[in-house]
Protein backbone atom coordinates (compact mmCIF):
# COMPACT_ATOMS: atom_id res chain seq x y z
CA MET A 1 49.37 46.47 58.26
CA THR A 2 48.61 45.79 61.90
CA ARG A 3 48.10 42.30 63.24
CA THR A 4 44.41 43.05 64.03
CA THR A 5 43.75 44.41 60.52
CA ARG A 6 45.41 41.35 58.94
CA LYS A 7 43.35 38.97 61.10
CA ASN A 8 40.11 40.78 60.28
CA GLU A 9 40.78 40.68 56.55
CA GLU A 10 41.58 36.95 56.69
CA HIS A 11 38.05 35.99 57.75
CA GLY A 12 36.62 37.33 54.46
CA LEU A 13 33.82 39.28 56.19
CA PHE A 14 35.60 42.65 56.32
CA ASN A 15 33.01 44.62 54.30
CA THR A 16 29.90 42.79 55.48
CA ARG A 17 26.92 43.96 57.50
CA GLN A 18 27.98 41.68 60.38
CA TYR A 19 31.43 43.26 60.53
CA LYS A 20 29.93 46.77 60.48
CA ILE A 21 27.61 45.81 63.36
CA TRP A 22 30.65 44.66 65.36
CA ILE A 23 32.51 47.91 64.62
CA GLY A 24 29.41 49.96 65.53
CA MET A 25 29.02 48.09 68.80
CA LYS A 26 32.62 48.93 69.76
CA ASN A 27 32.31 52.55 68.63
CA ARG A 28 29.21 53.13 70.79
CA CYS A 29 31.13 51.86 73.81
CA TYR A 30 34.63 53.28 73.32
CA ASN A 31 34.62 56.18 70.84
CA LYS A 32 33.81 59.42 72.68
CA ASN A 33 33.15 61.11 69.33
CA ASN A 34 30.39 58.62 68.48
CA SER A 35 26.92 60.18 68.69
CA SER A 36 25.68 57.23 70.78
CA TYR A 37 28.61 57.19 73.22
CA LYS A 38 26.62 59.01 75.96
CA ARG A 39 24.01 56.23 75.95
CA TYR A 40 26.61 53.44 75.98
CA GLY A 41 30.23 54.11 76.93
CA ASP A 42 29.39 56.99 79.24
CA ARG A 43 26.96 54.69 81.10
CA GLY A 44 29.66 52.02 81.51
CA ILE A 45 28.40 49.73 78.75
CA LYS A 46 31.36 47.70 77.46
CA VAL A 47 32.04 44.90 74.99
CA CYS A 48 33.30 41.71 76.65
CA ASN A 49 37.03 41.14 76.22
CA LYS A 50 36.44 38.07 74.05
CA TRP A 51 34.52 40.13 71.46
CA LYS A 52 36.28 43.46 71.83
CA ASN A 53 39.47 42.32 70.14
CA SER A 54 38.16 39.64 67.79
CA PHE A 55 35.44 39.86 65.19
CA ILE A 56 35.94 36.13 64.56
CA LEU A 57 35.08 35.21 68.17
CA PHE A 58 32.08 37.57 68.11
CA TRP A 59 30.87 36.01 64.87
CA GLU A 60 31.40 32.42 66.09
CA ASP A 61 29.17 33.18 69.10
CA MET A 62 26.42 34.97 67.17
CA LYS A 63 26.30 33.56 63.62
CA ASP A 64 23.85 30.71 64.23
CA THR A 65 20.89 33.02 64.84
CA TYR A 66 21.92 35.88 62.53
CA LYS A 67 19.53 37.16 59.83
CA ASN A 68 19.95 40.23 57.62
CA THR A 69 16.66 41.62 58.95
CA LEU A 70 17.84 41.61 62.58
CA SER A 71 20.28 43.74 64.56
CA ILE A 72 22.28 43.19 67.72
CA ASP A 73 20.33 43.75 70.95
CA ARG A 74 21.36 43.62 74.59
CA ILE A 75 18.81 41.64 76.59
CA ASP A 76 19.54 43.57 79.80
CA ASN A 77 20.23 47.20 78.90
CA SER A 78 22.20 47.79 82.08
CA LYS A 79 24.80 45.18 81.04
CA GLY A 80 27.35 45.13 78.25
CA TYR A 81 27.74 43.19 75.04
CA SER A 82 28.48 39.49 75.55
CA LYS A 83 27.20 36.14 74.34
CA GLN A 84 25.06 35.77 77.48
CA ASN A 85 23.46 39.22 77.09
CA CYS A 86 23.03 39.58 73.32
CA ARG A 87 20.60 38.37 70.69
CA TRP A 88 19.59 39.27 67.16
CA ALA A 89 16.30 41.15 67.34
CA THR A 90 13.74 42.85 65.12
CA SER A 91 13.29 46.61 65.36
CA LYS A 92 9.98 46.00 67.20
CA GLU A 93 11.73 43.76 69.76
CA GLN A 94 14.42 46.39 70.20
CA GLY A 95 11.80 49.10 70.61
CA GLY A 96 10.27 47.08 73.41
CA ASN A 97 13.64 46.74 75.08
CA LYS A 98 14.41 50.43 75.48
CA ARG A 99 15.12 51.97 78.88
CA ASN A 100 12.41 54.60 78.44
CA ASN A 101 9.70 52.18 77.29
CA ILE A 102 6.49 52.11 79.29
CA VAL A 103 4.78 48.76 79.83
CA PHE A 104 1.46 48.05 81.50
CA ASN A 105 0.18 44.48 82.04
CA GLY A 106 2.71 43.24 79.48
CA GLU A 107 1.58 45.66 76.74
CA LEU A 108 4.13 48.04 75.25
CA GLN A 109 3.35 51.72 74.87
CA ALA A 110 3.67 51.45 71.06
CA ASP A 111 1.06 48.68 70.98
CA ALA A 112 -1.30 50.63 73.24
CA VAL A 113 -1.00 53.67 70.96
CA LYS A 114 -2.11 51.52 68.00
CA ARG A 115 -4.93 49.91 69.95
CA LEU A 116 -6.20 53.27 71.20
CA LYS A 117 -5.77 54.82 67.73
CA CYS A 118 -3.92 57.80 69.13
CA SER A 119 -0.50 59.37 68.75
CA HIS A 120 2.54 58.96 70.96
CA GLY A 121 2.07 62.66 71.78
CA THR A 122 -1.41 61.98 73.18
CA PHE A 123 0.07 59.21 75.29
CA ARG A 124 2.83 61.49 76.62
CA GLN A 125 0.36 64.30 77.31
CA ARG A 126 -1.81 62.01 79.41
CA LEU A 127 1.18 61.11 81.57
CA LYS A 128 2.30 64.77 81.80
CA ARG A 129 -1.17 65.70 83.03
CA GLY A 130 -0.75 63.24 85.88
CA TRP A 131 -2.78 60.32 84.55
CA SER A 132 -1.80 56.97 86.03
CA ILE A 133 -0.16 54.46 83.71
CA GLU A 134 -3.25 52.27 84.03
CA LYS A 135 -5.61 55.10 83.04
CA THR A 136 -3.30 56.12 80.17
CA PHE A 137 -3.27 52.57 78.79
CA THR A 138 -6.98 51.83 79.25
CA THR A 139 -8.90 55.04 78.49
CA PRO A 140 -10.18 55.09 74.90
CA VAL A 141 -9.62 58.21 72.82
CA MET A 142 -12.78 60.12 71.96
CA LYS A 143 -13.61 59.61 68.27
CA LYS A 144 -13.17 63.29 67.39
CA TYR A 145 -9.60 63.15 68.74
CA ILE A 146 -8.45 59.98 66.96
CA ASN A 147 -5.13 60.78 65.35
CA LYS A 148 -5.63 62.05 61.76
CA ALA A 149 -2.38 60.36 60.71
CA TYR A 150 -3.73 57.09 62.10
CA LYS A 151 -6.93 57.46 60.05
CA ILE A 152 -5.02 58.14 56.83
CA LYS A 153 -2.57 55.30 57.42
CA HIS A 154 -5.29 52.74 58.18
CA LYS A 155 -7.88 53.50 55.46
């Protein structure tokens, strides 16, 4: 048994969600066979040295705000994983923190889609057709084009 394996088993959290999050974080950054490596390791995203080699140090830094309903999120997506750049976030918060997210006057694209009662496809089509971000976010959808899935979901 390696020293690292022995240390990780000693903390008693070896098979927990928190431990799996730590392993996943490292795999995204360092394992070229990981499906997310292109979006992390290939872009230069790293895990700070303190966390990279010690689940215990990672957990000591992050445990106070941990909840089972949250996942690890980098505050600045151009920077790596560290205590200063990480938080536990909801899936909605993470969705708003994506590199490809569009925001207008503080409103996320996902929220505008709900408000306009349209699909994400409608939103993308508007932009593809050359609409400005402002026009895309502020132009109501004609009633006959309101997303059928939206109508069914919100009966």
